[in-house]
């Protein structure tokens, strides 16, 4: 599970993100692992996927989850408050 995986595609001076992506690719090539790349559905995620030419074709399933609405967030908050007593 790689949370905020789009950060790996950064291009800073001391950035080892592309090296990490290469290691992930190597693991994908050696077997059939289950990898979860989590991030926002935006340009940064597109940069991550396009950072390595073979990465996109190795990602077989993409699940997009819609953002919570303000009303849904309020309901979750009330549930948490009720559960806390």
C-alpha atoms as a PDB file:
ATOM      1  CA  UNK A   1       0.000   0.000   0.000  1.00  0.00           C
ATOM      2  CA  UNK A   2       1.549   3.272  -1.141  1.00  0.00           C
ATOM      3  CA  UNK A   3      -0.386   6.269   0.160  1.00  0.00           C
ATOM      4  CA  UNK A   4       0.099   9.602  -1.605  1.00  0.00           C
ATOM      5  CA  UNK A   5       2.036   7.761  -4.308  1.00  0.00           C
ATOM      6  CA  UNK A   6       1.988  10.854  -6.531  1.00  0.00           C
ATOM      7  CA  UNK A   7       4.759  12.207  -4.285  1.00  0.00           C
ATOM      8  CA  UNK A   8       7.093   9.592  -5.740  1.00  0.00           C
ATOM      9  CA  UNK A   9       6.972  11.364  -9.093  1.00  0.00           C
ATOM     10  CA  UNK A  10       8.461  14.543  -7.583  1.00  0.00           C
ATOM     11  CA  UNK A  11      11.564  15.966  -9.131  1.00  0.00           C
ATOM     12  CA  UNK A  12      13.439  17.534  -6.226  1.00  0.00           C
ATOM     13  CA  UNK A  13      17.226  17.537  -5.904  1.00  0.00           C
ATOM     14  CA  UNK A  14      17.276  14.944  -3.120  1.00  0.00           C
ATOM     15  CA  UNK A  15      14.294  13.002  -4.391  1.00  0.00           C
ATOM     16  CA  UNK A  16      14.486   9.222  -4.559  1.00  0.00           C
ATOM     17  CA  UNK A  17      10.917   8.797  -5.764  1.00  0.00           C
ATOM     18  CA  UNK A  18      11.792   7.635  -9.264  1.00  0.00           C
ATOM     19  CA  UNK A  19      14.193   5.101  -7.775  1.00  0.00           C
ATOM     20  CA  UNK A  20      11.359   3.864  -5.547  1.00  0.00           C
ATOM     21  CA  UNK A  21       9.091   3.560  -8.590  1.00  0.00           C
ATOM     22  CA  UNK A  22      11.779   1.522 -10.351  1.00  0.00           C
ATOM     23  CA  UNK A  23      11.914  -0.818  -7.340  1.00  0.00           C
ATOM     24  CA  UNK A  24       8.130  -1.200  -7.395  1.00  0.00           C
ATOM     25  CA  UNK A  25       8.318  -1.980 -11.111  1.00  0.00           C
ATOM     26  CA  UNK A  26      10.970  -4.592 -10.444  1.00  0.00           C
ATOM     27  CA  UNK A  27       8.724  -6.275  -7.870  1.00  0.00           C
ATOM     28  CA  UNK A  28       5.836  -6.209 -10.361  1.00  0.00           C
ATOM     29  CA  UNK A  29       7.974  -7.899 -12.992  1.00  0.00           C
ATOM     30  CA  UNK A  30       9.104 -10.701 -10.657  1.00  0.00           C
ATOM     31  CA  UNK A  31       5.648 -11.928  -9.797  1.00  0.00           C
ATOM     32  CA  UNK A  32       2.019 -11.043  -9.448  1.00  0.00           C
ATOM     33  CA  UNK A  33       1.880  -8.803  -6.372  1.00  0.00           C
ATOM     34  CA  UNK A  34      -1.115  -6.847  -5.187  1.00  0.00           C
ATOM     35  CA  UNK A  35      -0.125  -3.191  -4.980  1.00  0.00           C
ATOM     36  CA  UNK A  36      -2.424  -0.375  -3.998  1.00  0.00           C
ATOM     37  CA  UNK A  37      -1.443   3.107  -5.126  1.00  0.00           C
ATOM     38  CA  UNK A  38      -3.562   5.640  -3.284  1.00  0.00           C
ATOM     39  CA  UNK A  39      -3.890   9.298  -4.177  1.00  0.00           C
ATOM     40  CA  UNK A  40      -6.197  11.947  -5.501  1.00  0.00           C
ATOM     41  CA  UNK A  41      -7.654  11.727  -8.993  1.00  0.00           C
ATOM     42  CA  UNK A  42      -5.798  14.688 -10.424  1.00  0.00           C
ATOM     43  CA  UNK A  43      -2.803  15.736 -12.499  1.00  0.00           C
ATOM     44  CA  UNK A  44      -0.342  14.657  -9.781  1.00  0.00           C
ATOM     45  CA  UNK A  45      -1.616  11.086 -10.008  1.00  0.00           C
ATOM     46  CA  UNK A  46      -1.313  11.261 -13.803  1.00  0.00           C
ATOM     47  CA  UNK A  47       2.324  12.349 -13.338  1.00  0.00           C
ATOM     48  CA  UNK A  48       2.926   9.314 -11.107  1.00  0.00           C
ATOM     49  CA  UNK A  49       1.456   6.867 -13.609  1.00  0.00           C
ATOM     50  CA  UNK A  50       3.362   8.412 -16.513  1.00  0.00           C
ATOM     51  CA  UNK A  51       6.671   8.592 -14.592  1.00  0.00           C
ATOM     52  CA  UNK A  52       7.597   5.115 -15.819  1.00  0.00           C
ATOM     53  CA  UNK A  53       6.570   3.910 -19.289  1.00  0.00           C
ATOM     54  CA  UNK A  54       5.622   0.411 -18.099  1.00  0.00           C
ATOM     55  CA  UNK A  55       3.753   1.386 -14.959  1.00  0.00           C
ATOM     56  CA  UNK A  56       0.392   2.175 -16.550  1.00  0.00           C
ATOM     57  CA  UNK A  57       0.107  -1.150 -18.362  1.00  0.00           C
ATOM     58  CA  UNK A  58       0.817  -3.035 -15.139  1.00  0.00           C
ATOM     59  CA  UNK A  59      -2.050  -1.379 -13.284  1.00  0.00           C
ATOM     60  CA  UNK A  60      -5.015  -3.555 -14.168  1.00  0.00           C
ATOM     61  CA  UNK A  61      -7.742  -2.070 -11.976  1.00  0.00           C
ATOM     62  CA  UNK A  62      -8.512   1.513 -11.015  1.00  0.00           C
ATOM     63  CA  UNK A  63     -11.064   2.321  -8.348  1.00  0.00           C
ATOM     64  CA  UNK A  64     -12.261   5.894  -8.024  1.00  0.00           C
ATOM     65  CA  UNK A  65     -14.095   6.870  -4.870  1.00  0.00           C
ATOM     66  CA  UNK A  66     -16.138  10.067  -4.873  1.00  0.00           C
ATOM     67  CA  UNK A  67     -15.337  12.675  -2.250  1.00  0.00           C
ATOM     68  CA  UNK A  68     -17.705  12.970   0.701  1.00  0.00           C
ATOM     69  CA  UNK A  69     -20.259  15.744   0.481  1.00  0.00           C
ATOM     70  CA  UNK A  70     -20.498  18.237   3.360  1.00  0.00           C
ATOM     71  CA  UNK A  71     -23.744  16.574   4.450  1.00  0.00           C
ATOM     72  CA  UNK A  72     -22.102  13.140   4.515  1.00  0.00           C
ATOM     73  CA  UNK A  73     -19.211  14.532   6.568  1.00  0.00           C
ATOM     74  CA  UNK A  74     -21.667  16.057   9.049  1.00  0.00           C
ATOM     75  CA  UNK A  75     -23.439  12.715   9.403  1.00  0.00           C
ATOM     76  CA  UNK A  76     -20.125  10.940  10.036  1.00  0.00           C
ATOM     77  CA  UNK A  77     -19.251  13.522  12.679  1.00  0.00           C
ATOM     78  CA  UNK A  78     -22.595  13.031  14.429  1.00  0.00           C
ATOM     79  CA  UNK A  79     -22.131   9.254  14.380  1.00  0.00           C
ATOM     80  CA  UNK A  80     -18.700   9.648  15.970  1.00  0.00           C
ATOM     81  CA  UNK A  81     -20.056  12.007  18.611  1.00  0.00           C
ATOM     82  CA  UNK A  82     -22.888   9.588  19.439  1.00  0.00           C
ATOM     83  CA  UNK A  83     -20.454   6.654  19.621  1.00  0.00           C
ATOM     84  CA  UNK A  84     -18.165   8.566  22.011  1.00  0.00           C
ATOM     85  CA  UNK A  85     -21.071   9.175  24.366  1.00  0.00           C
END
